[in-house]
Amino acid sequence: MDINEFLTEIYTDAQHNPFPFSLERTLAQYIYDATDETSKTLETGAGLSTVIFALKGTQHTCVTPDKNAVVNMLAYCKQKNISVERIDFQIQRSEDALPHLQLKDLDLVLIDGRHAFPTPFIDWYYASSGLKNGGILIIDDTNVWTGKILEEFLCLEAEWQLVKRIRERAVIFIKKAGGGHAKEFHQQPFVMLKSVSQDAGIPCCWRAAHQALGLLYNGKILTLIQKIIYRIRLYYYYGPQRQKKHK
């Protein structure tokens, strides 16, 4: 099947689209171009992306608890004469399936399953361990808070290189090195920047001062006051003195 005809059919006939939560077309094309029959791939979630992996004949693992989505996808592939012989369907929640799968030398991982906290982070933790150096990590639906936080975290990690953002809906990273899961919190720049405790380190103070000066410069006094009150409340509940009381 020609990919352009396939995508045009999917994206122009919304009424009869069998995949209600389709990928951005740019992302669908990227996945198609980045894989071939030698690729080992994995996704959390199922739908249009699964069909694309089937079209390219990758050695693919699809992890989803949605049995109906798999049935619909299989029916579509049968109708279009698309082989699914190389797809291993794991019909269960990703947090249950991923820890027990033998994930190794993956070329591409797509995180597009359940977006509720903390599932995307669990999916990344286990799936990225099996992604080889130089492999591709795609996080879909970064317009959802959980996806956005994961994107922001990885942007500051030396082991990951941001390749492309797709309309604030998805991001593509390249894995440069392993070993990131062994880090302590103070070795993770994003955690340090977002920490509210003074014990977390100086970078947090510099960031807060920079934001405060920016608000003053732009005349956003009320916003600055609200942020100060918010930080005071955070410090009261989570600050060093409060922590010492519970030791």
Protein backbone atom coordinates (compact mmCIF):
# COMPACT_ATOMS: atom_id res chain seq x y z
CA MET A 1 0.00 0.00 0.00
CA ASP A 2 1.29 3.44 -0.91
CA ILE A 3 1.85 5.49 2.27
CA ASN A 4 0.60 8.74 0.75
CA GLU A 5 -2.65 7.14 -0.39
CA PHE A 6 -3.03 5.46 2.98
CA LEU A 7 -2.51 8.65 4.99
CA THR A 8 -4.67 10.71 2.66
CA GLU A 9 -7.49 8.23 3.09
CA ILE A 10 -7.12 8.30 6.88
CA TYR A 11 -6.86 12.06 7.30
CA THR A 12 -9.43 13.22 4.74
CA ASP A 13 -12.26 10.85 5.60
CA ALA A 14 -12.74 11.75 9.26
CA GLN A 15 -16.28 10.37 9.36
CA HIS A 16 -15.15 6.85 8.51
CA ASN A 17 -11.73 7.02 10.16
CA PRO A 18 -11.31 3.78 12.15
CA PHE A 19 -8.71 5.48 14.37
CA PRO A 20 -10.44 8.26 16.37
CA PHE A 21 -7.21 9.22 18.15
CA SER A 22 -4.95 9.41 15.09
CA LEU A 23 -1.40 10.69 15.19
CA GLU A 24 -0.44 13.98 13.68
CA ARG A 25 0.14 13.27 10.00
CA THR A 26 3.70 14.59 10.21
CA LEU A 27 4.43 12.11 12.99
CA ALA A 28 2.80 9.25 11.09
CA GLN A 29 5.02 10.02 8.10
CA TYR A 30 8.10 10.25 10.36
CA ILE A 31 7.47 6.79 11.83
CA TYR A 32 7.00 5.36 8.35
CA ASP A 33 10.24 6.91 7.08
CA ALA A 34 12.28 5.97 10.17
CA THR A 35 11.54 2.23 10.13
CA ASP A 36 11.90 -0.80 7.88
CA GLU A 37 11.70 -4.58 8.12
CA THR A 38 14.95 -4.73 10.11
CA SER A 39 13.65 -2.40 12.84
CA LYS A 40 12.70 -3.56 16.33
CA THR A 41 9.94 -1.30 17.63
CA LEU A 42 7.64 -0.95 20.62
CA GLU A 43 4.63 1.20 21.41
CA THR A 44 2.32 1.70 24.33
CA GLY A 45 -1.16 2.22 22.97
CA ALA A 46 -2.64 0.97 19.70
CA GLY A 47 -4.19 2.44 16.59
CA LEU A 48 -2.96 4.12 13.43
CA SER A 49 0.66 3.85 14.54
CA THR A 50 0.28 0.07 14.87
CA VAL A 51 -0.90 -0.13 11.27
CA ILE A 52 2.11 1.89 10.15
CA PHE A 53 4.48 -0.49 11.94
CA ALA A 54 2.63 -3.38 10.26
CA LEU A 55 2.97 -1.69 6.86
CA LYS A 56 6.74 -1.46 7.33
CA GLY A 57 6.98 -5.03 8.61
CA THR A 58 8.93 -4.14 11.75
CA GLN A 59 9.42 -6.61 14.58
CA HIS A 60 6.88 -4.83 16.72
CA THR A 61 5.50 -5.06 20.25
CA CYS A 62 2.19 -3.34 20.95
CA VAL A 63 1.21 -2.93 24.60
CA THR A 64 -2.38 -1.90 25.33
CA PRO A 65 -5.20 -2.98 27.64
CA ASP A 66 -7.79 -1.94 25.04
CA LYS A 67 -8.83 -5.22 23.43
CA ASN A 68 -11.48 -3.53 21.30
CA ALA A 69 -8.89 -1.20 19.76
CA VAL A 70 -6.80 -4.21 18.78
CA VAL A 71 -9.82 -6.02 17.32
CA ASN A 72 -10.75 -2.96 15.23
CA MET A 73 -7.17 -2.53 14.06
CA LEU A 74 -6.90 -6.19 13.07
CA ALA A 75 -10.18 -5.97 11.15
CA TYR A 76 -8.89 -2.92 9.29
CA CYS A 77 -5.61 -4.64 8.41
CA LYS A 78 -7.44 -7.71 7.17
CA GLN A 79 -9.66 -5.53 4.98
CA LYS A 80 -6.61 -3.77 3.53
CA ASN A 81 -4.49 -6.95 3.22
CA ILE A 82 -1.88 -5.65 5.67
CA SER A 83 0.07 -8.40 7.41
CA VAL A 84 0.26 -8.32 11.22
CA GLU A 85 2.36 -11.48 11.55
CA ARG A 86 5.31 -9.62 13.06
CA ILE A 87 3.30 -7.83 15.75
CA ASP A 88 3.30 -9.14 19.31
CA PHE A 89 0.17 -7.87 21.04
CA GLN A 90 0.37 -7.57 24.83
CA ILE A 91 -3.23 -7.00 25.93
CA GLN A 92 -2.61 -5.58 29.38
CA ARG A 93 -1.67 -2.37 31.12
CA SER A 94 1.82 -1.20 30.29
CA GLU A 95 2.84 -0.98 33.94
CA ASP A 96 2.05 -4.70 34.24
CA ALA A 97 3.51 -5.80 30.91
CA LEU A 98 6.71 -3.79 30.45
CA PRO A 99 8.62 -4.97 33.56
CA HIS A 100 8.32 -8.57 32.35
CA LEU A 101 9.11 -8.13 28.66
CA GLN A 102 12.59 -8.89 27.36
CA LEU A 103 13.27 -5.48 25.82
CA LYS A 104 16.62 -5.19 24.07
CA ASP A 105 18.11 -3.35 21.10
CA LEU A 106 14.92 -1.48 20.24
CA ASP A 107 15.27 0.95 17.34
CA LEU A 108 12.16 3.00 18.09
CA VAL A 109 9.84 3.43 21.06
CA LEU A 110 6.51 5.27 20.88
CA ILE A 111 4.89 6.32 24.17
CA ASP A 112 1.23 6.84 23.35
CA GLY A 113 -0.75 4.78 25.82
CA ARG A 114 -2.54 5.91 28.95
CA HIS A 115 -1.70 9.57 29.62
CA ALA A 116 -2.82 9.73 33.25
CA PHE A 117 -0.13 10.17 35.92
CA PRO A 118 2.19 8.29 36.35
CA THR A 119 1.81 5.96 33.33
CA PRO A 120 3.90 7.88 30.73
CA PHE A 121 6.81 8.01 33.18
CA ILE A 122 6.54 4.27 33.86
CA ASP A 123 6.39 3.58 30.12
CA TRP A 124 9.49 5.69 29.55
CA TYR A 125 11.39 4.12 32.45
CA TYR A 126 11.01 0.55 31.23
CA ALA A 127 10.82 1.03 27.46
CA SER A 128 13.80 3.38 27.22
CA SER A 129 15.95 0.82 29.02
CA GLY A 130 15.51 -1.46 26.02
CA LEU A 131 16.13 1.30 23.49
CA LYS A 132 19.59 1.08 21.98
CA ASN A 133 21.95 4.06 21.84
CA GLY A 134 21.04 6.00 18.72
CA GLY A 135 17.47 4.74 18.97
CA ILE A 136 14.41 6.95 18.58
CA LEU A 137 12.03 7.85 21.41
CA ILE A 138 8.69 9.44 20.50
CA ILE A 139 6.35 10.93 23.11
CA ASP A 140 2.91 11.66 21.75
CA ASP A 141 0.31 14.04 23.20
CA THR A 142 2.73 16.41 24.87
CA ASN A 143 -0.17 18.84 25.07
CA VAL A 144 -1.20 16.72 28.08
CA TRP A 145 0.62 17.71 31.29
CA THR A 146 2.22 14.30 31.87
CA GLY A 147 3.69 14.22 28.38
CA LYS A 148 4.91 17.80 28.67
CA ILE A 149 6.67 17.14 31.96
CA LEU A 150 8.43 14.11 30.49
CA GLU A 151 9.50 16.22 27.50
CA GLU A 152 10.88 18.99 29.73
CA PHE A 153 12.72 16.48 31.89
CA LEU A 154 14.42 14.77 28.93
CA CYS A 155 15.38 18.08 27.31
CA LEU A 156 17.75 18.69 30.23
CA GLU A 157 19.20 15.17 30.34
CA ALA A 158 22.58 14.68 28.66
CA GLU A 159 21.61 11.18 27.57
CA TRP A 160 18.84 12.47 25.31
CA GLN A 161 18.89 14.76 22.28
CA LEU A 162 15.76 16.57 21.13
CA VAL A 163 15.33 16.08 17.39
CA LYS A 164 11.94 17.52 16.56
CA ARG A 165 8.75 18.97 18.01
CA ILE A 166 5.54 18.41 16.10
CA ARG A 167 2.97 21.18 16.60
CA GLU A 168 3.25 21.05 20.41
CA ARG A 169 1.62 17.62 20.21
CA ALA A 170 4.60 15.28 20.05
CA VAL A 171 8.37 15.23 20.49
CA ILE A 172 11.11 13.05 19.07
CA PHE A 173 14.35 12.29 20.92
CA ILE A 174 17.48 10.31 20.13
CA LYS A 175 19.01 8.25 22.92
CA LYS A 176 22.68 9.24 23.11
CA ALA A 177 23.73 7.08 26.06
CA GLY A 178 22.44 4.83 28.79
CA GLY A 179 22.85 5.04 32.55
CA GLY A 180 20.31 7.78 33.21
CA HIS A 181 18.15 5.62 35.46
CA ALA A 182 20.99 5.28 37.99
CA LYS A 183 21.15 9.00 38.74
CA GLU A 184 20.34 10.59 42.08
CA PHE A 185 18.00 13.59 42.17
CA HIS A 186 20.81 16.14 42.39
CA GLN A 187 22.23 14.80 39.13
CA GLN A 188 19.01 15.56 37.25
CA PRO A 189 18.85 19.22 36.16
CA PHE A 190 15.07 19.28 35.77
CA VAL A 191 14.52 17.99 39.30
CA MET A 192 16.92 20.57 40.68
CA LEU A 193 15.22 23.41 38.80
CA LYS A 194 11.79 22.39 40.03
CA SER A 195 12.75 21.69 43.64
CA VAL A 196 11.29 24.02 46.30
CA SER A 197 13.57 23.11 49.20
CA GLN A 198 16.58 25.36 49.77
CA ASP A 199 18.55 22.19 50.47
CA ALA A 200 18.08 21.22 46.80
CA GLY A 201 20.78 23.67 45.72
CA ILE A 202 21.59 27.13 44.36
CA PRO A 203 20.23 26.73 40.78
CA CYS A 204 16.66 26.84 42.10
CA CYS A 205 17.33 30.23 43.76
CA TRP A 206 18.84 31.70 40.60
CA ARG A 207 15.87 30.53 38.57
CA ALA A 208 13.38 32.06 41.00
CA ALA A 209 15.28 35.38 41.03
CA HIS A 210 15.37 35.48 37.23
CA GLN A 211 11.61 34.89 37.03
CA ALA A 212 10.93 37.57 39.64
CA LEU A 213 13.00 40.16 37.78
CA GLY A 214 11.21 39.28 34.56
CA LEU A 215 7.80 39.81 36.15
CA LEU A 216 8.90 43.14 37.63
CA TYR A 217 10.29 44.28 34.30
CA ASN A 218 7.00 43.48 32.58
CA GLY A 219 4.91 45.15 35.27
CA LYS A 220 3.24 41.94 36.41
CA ILE A 221 3.24 42.86 40.09
CA LEU A 222 0.10 40.89 40.98
CA THR A 223 1.48 37.75 39.38
CA LEU A 224 4.72 38.18 41.29
CA ILE A 225 2.86 38.54 44.59
CA GLN A 226 0.81 35.42 43.84
CA LYS A 227 3.97 33.44 43.09
CA ILE A 228 5.63 34.64 46.29
CA ILE A 229 2.60 33.56 48.33
CA TYR A 230 2.61 30.21 46.53
CA ARG A 231 6.30 29.64 47.31
CA ILE A 232 5.78 30.59 50.97
CA ARG A 233 3.03 27.99 51.21
CA LEU A 234 5.22 25.36 49.54
CA TYR A 235 8.07 26.18 51.88
CA TYR A 236 5.78 25.87 54.90
CA TYR A 237 4.60 22.41 53.89
CA TYR A 238 7.83 21.05 52.38
CA GLY A 239 10.67 23.28 53.61
CA PRO A 240 13.69 22.15 55.64
CA GLN A 241 12.22 23.07 59.02
CA ARG A 242 9.06 21.15 58.29
CA GLN A 243 11.08 18.16 57.12
CA LYS A 244 13.20 18.13 60.31
CA LYS A 245 10.04 17.85 62.43
CA HIS A 246 9.15 14.58 60.71
CA LYS A 247 12.57 12.97 60.94
